[in-house]
Amino acid sequence: MKKEEQIHGLERTSEKTFRFKTGSTRKWLFLTAVLFSALFACGVSAAENPTAPNLLDMKKATVWFDGKAAKAGNGEIKDGKISFSMADYPKPSIYLGQIIIPAELQSDTRYRLTMKIMSNQEAKLPFCYILNKAPYTSYAAQDITLKNGTNDYSIVFTPRMVDGKYESPRSLHFLIGELKNATIVISDLKLTEE
């Protein structure tokens, strides 16, 4: 018949220090497994921490339209929400309308950008992190595939040096100049380090 052993926790053996009461190897393995499980759970919850600081300052954000697109476009940033609409116009180009959010991010660091977007159509919304002056070098870029309606979006990107350079000032850009007959509202923008 196997002897049952009680699992002991921390026990005071003197007035000054705490020590584990020694026992079988199984007890140590169990306690080690519990400790690593707790550490892993804490690490996972920290990565998804909703209280992580937002690296964006929306007070510095702007909606910009080229002179040709300005007649067709309308944009506003209010209370952290970016609203814009683009009518039908000839010769669209992604660069004719842009949402610009200044952000000085570190190279070779992963970032997550989360947002809620309301769109009146399915569309491609190009996103990039670029040098905000000539030659407008792109350090990260990807497209966001918008669905009709209000949806949550999350993109992960890692800015990289180009030809050994990582110049300032840098900013996040949503390139909206090719969107025709579109009404889009971007809200709850949050940028965090991964």
Protein backbone atom coordinates (compact mmCIF):
# COMPACT_ATOMS: atom_id res chain seq x y z
CA MET A 1 0.00 0.00 0.00
CA LYS A 2 1.35 3.40 -0.99
CA LYS A 3 1.74 5.98 1.76
CA GLU A 4 -0.19 9.21 1.12
CA GLU A 5 1.80 12.34 1.74
CA GLN A 6 0.33 15.74 2.44
CA ILE A 7 1.60 18.62 0.28
CA HIS A 8 3.04 21.37 2.40
CA GLY A 9 3.35 25.03 1.50
CA LEU A 10 5.47 27.64 3.13
CA GLU A 11 6.03 27.01 6.77
CA ARG A 12 7.81 29.23 9.30
CA THR A 13 10.78 27.36 10.78
CA SER A 14 12.12 30.32 12.73
CA GLU A 15 11.15 33.86 13.52
CA LYS A 16 13.35 35.37 10.80
CA THR A 17 13.03 33.38 7.56
CA PHE A 18 10.62 31.25 5.57
CA ARG A 19 11.73 27.87 4.29
CA PHE A 20 10.06 25.10 2.38
CA LYS A 21 9.53 22.02 4.44
CA THR A 22 11.32 19.35 2.48
CA GLY A 23 9.39 16.43 1.13
CA SER A 24 9.25 14.14 -1.83
CA THR A 25 10.42 15.01 -5.34
CA ARG A 26 6.83 15.01 -6.53
CA LYS A 27 6.05 17.91 -4.25
CA TRP A 28 8.91 19.92 -5.72
CA LEU A 29 7.86 19.08 -9.27
CA PHE A 30 4.28 20.07 -8.52
CA LEU A 31 5.30 23.39 -6.95
CA THR A 32 7.69 24.12 -9.84
CA ALA A 33 4.96 23.38 -12.39
CA VAL A 34 2.53 25.68 -10.55
CA LEU A 35 5.15 28.46 -10.43
CA PHE A 36 5.93 28.24 -14.16
CA SER A 37 2.22 28.11 -15.02
CA ALA A 38 1.62 31.27 -13.00
CA LEU A 39 4.59 33.05 -14.63
CA PHE A 40 3.38 32.04 -18.11
CA ALA A 41 -0.16 33.27 -17.37
CA CYS A 42 1.23 36.61 -16.16
CA GLY A 43 3.36 36.96 -19.30
CA VAL A 44 0.40 36.25 -21.59
CA SER A 45 -1.86 38.68 -19.78
CA ALA A 46 0.84 41.38 -19.91
CA ALA A 47 1.05 41.03 -23.72
CA GLU A 48 -2.71 41.60 -23.98
CA ASN A 49 -2.81 44.27 -21.28
CA PRO A 50 -5.49 46.83 -22.10
CA THR A 51 -3.82 49.32 -19.76
CA ALA A 52 -0.57 49.36 -21.77
CA PRO A 53 0.29 52.98 -22.63
CA ASN A 54 -0.91 54.30 -25.97
CA LEU A 55 2.09 55.55 -27.97
CA LEU A 56 -0.07 57.81 -30.16
CA ASP A 57 -0.75 61.48 -29.53
CA MET A 58 -3.93 62.09 -31.51
CA LYS A 59 -3.71 65.84 -30.80
CA LYS A 60 -0.92 65.97 -33.39
CA ALA A 61 -2.84 64.00 -36.04
CA THR A 62 -3.97 65.70 -39.27
CA VAL A 63 -6.05 64.87 -42.32
CA TRP A 64 -4.37 66.22 -45.46
CA PHE A 65 -5.68 66.42 -49.03
CA ASP A 66 -3.79 67.50 -52.13
CA GLY A 67 -5.31 70.54 -53.88
CA LYS A 68 -6.97 68.31 -56.52
CA ALA A 69 -8.46 65.95 -53.95
CA ALA A 70 -9.42 68.70 -51.50
CA LYS A 71 -12.47 69.52 -53.61
CA ALA A 72 -13.63 65.90 -53.34
CA GLY A 73 -12.44 65.12 -49.82
CA ASN A 74 -13.58 66.15 -46.40
CA GLY A 75 -11.84 65.22 -43.15
CA GLU A 76 -12.02 65.94 -39.44
CA ILE A 77 -10.31 64.76 -36.26
CA LYS A 78 -12.37 65.27 -33.14
CA ASP A 79 -12.19 63.57 -29.73
CA GLY A 80 -9.73 60.97 -31.06
CA LYS A 81 -12.01 60.02 -33.98
CA ILE A 82 -10.88 60.48 -37.56
CA SER A 83 -13.75 61.00 -39.99
CA PHE A 84 -13.34 61.49 -43.70
CA SER A 85 -15.25 61.14 -46.93
CA MET A 86 -14.09 61.07 -50.52
CA ALA A 87 -16.41 61.77 -53.43
CA ASP A 88 -15.88 60.51 -56.97
CA TYR A 89 -13.07 62.41 -58.71
CA PRO A 90 -10.83 61.85 -61.74
CA LYS A 91 -7.33 60.36 -61.50
CA PRO A 92 -7.22 59.13 -57.91
CA SER A 93 -3.85 58.40 -56.30
CA ILE A 94 -3.17 56.98 -52.84
CA TYR A 95 -0.99 59.99 -52.05
CA LEU A 96 -3.68 62.64 -52.74
CA GLY A 97 -5.25 62.17 -49.30
CA GLN A 98 -3.53 61.11 -46.09
CA ILE A 99 -4.16 60.76 -42.39
CA ILE A 100 -0.87 61.63 -40.69
CA ILE A 101 -0.08 60.76 -37.07
CA PRO A 102 3.42 61.74 -35.87
CA ALA A 103 5.16 58.93 -33.94
CA GLU A 104 8.85 58.39 -33.21
CA LEU A 105 9.12 54.59 -32.95
CA GLN A 106 12.20 52.42 -32.48
CA SER A 107 13.53 50.37 -35.40
CA ASP A 108 13.48 46.56 -35.14
CA THR A 109 10.72 46.70 -32.49
CA ARG A 110 7.31 45.06 -33.00
CA TYR A 111 4.28 47.31 -32.60
CA ARG A 112 0.56 46.58 -32.61
CA LEU A 113 -1.93 49.14 -33.91
CA THR A 114 -5.55 48.45 -32.97
CA MET A 115 -8.56 50.45 -34.08
CA LYS A 116 -12.26 50.37 -34.84
CA ILE A 117 -13.18 51.37 -38.41
CA MET A 118 -16.64 52.12 -39.79
CA SER A 119 -16.68 51.98 -43.58
CA ASN A 120 -19.53 52.31 -46.05
CA GLN A 121 -17.78 49.92 -48.47
CA GLU A 122 -15.24 47.15 -48.79
CA ALA A 123 -11.91 48.71 -49.67
CA LYS A 124 -8.14 48.52 -49.30
CA LEU A 125 -6.67 51.08 -46.89
CA PRO A 126 -2.87 51.35 -47.27
CA PHE A 127 -0.97 51.96 -44.04
CA CYS A 128 2.70 52.93 -43.74
CA TYR A 129 5.26 54.24 -41.27
CA ILE A 130 7.44 56.72 -43.14
CA LEU A 131 9.93 59.55 -42.97
CA ASN A 132 7.72 62.64 -42.86
CA LYS A 133 9.88 64.70 -45.26
CA ALA A 134 11.55 64.12 -48.62
CA PRO A 135 12.43 61.45 -49.70
CA TYR A 136 9.51 59.98 -47.63
CA THR A 137 11.30 56.67 -46.99
CA SER A 138 8.96 53.85 -45.95
CA TYR A 139 10.08 51.92 -42.85
CA ALA A 140 6.99 49.66 -42.66
CA ALA A 141 3.90 49.20 -44.83
CA GLN A 142 0.86 46.98 -45.24
CA ASP A 143 -2.71 47.11 -46.46
CA ILE A 144 -5.79 46.91 -44.25
CA THR A 145 -8.70 45.18 -45.95
CA LEU A 146 -11.82 47.06 -44.86
CA LYS A 147 -15.20 45.40 -44.61
CA ASN A 148 -18.52 47.17 -44.92
CA GLY A 149 -19.84 48.23 -41.50
CA THR A 150 -18.06 48.71 -38.17
CA ASN A 151 -15.24 46.30 -37.40
CA ASP A 152 -12.21 45.97 -35.13
CA TYR A 153 -8.80 45.82 -36.82
CA SER A 154 -5.33 45.01 -35.55
CA ILE A 155 -2.05 45.14 -37.44
CA VAL A 156 1.44 44.24 -36.29
CA PHE A 157 4.45 45.88 -37.89
CA THR A 158 8.18 46.25 -37.30
CA PRO A 159 9.90 49.40 -38.61
CA ARG A 160 13.23 48.60 -40.30
CA MET A 161 16.19 50.75 -41.29
CA VAL A 162 16.61 51.41 -45.02
CA ASP A 163 20.17 51.50 -46.34
CA GLY A 164 21.40 51.80 -42.75
CA LYS A 165 19.32 54.94 -42.12
CA TYR A 166 16.42 55.63 -39.80
CA GLU A 167 15.79 59.35 -40.03
CA SER A 168 13.34 61.70 -38.28
CA PRO A 169 10.64 63.00 -38.21
CA ARG A 170 8.61 59.83 -38.75
CA SER A 171 4.85 59.29 -38.77
CA LEU A 172 2.07 56.80 -39.35
CA HIS A 173 0.12 57.39 -42.57
CA PHE A 174 -3.20 56.05 -43.79
CA LEU A 175 -3.23 56.66 -47.56
CA ILE A 176 -6.82 57.49 -48.47
CA GLY A 177 -6.44 59.12 -51.89
CA GLU A 178 -7.70 56.13 -53.92
CA LEU A 179 -10.93 55.69 -52.00
CA LYS A 180 -13.91 56.85 -54.06
CA ASN A 181 -17.39 57.52 -52.72
CA ALA A 182 -16.16 56.43 -49.31
CA THR A 183 -17.14 57.50 -45.82
CA ILE A 184 -14.87 56.15 -43.12
CA VAL A 185 -14.55 56.76 -39.37
CA ILE A 186 -11.48 55.48 -37.50
CA SER A 187 -11.75 55.43 -33.70
CA ASP A 188 -10.16 53.80 -30.65
CA LEU A 189 -6.68 54.00 -32.21
CA LYS A 190 -4.08 52.49 -29.90
CA LEU A 191 -0.42 51.78 -30.61
CA THR A 192 1.48 49.54 -28.21
CA GLU A 193 4.85 47.84 -28.18
CA GLU A 194 4.61 44.06 -28.51
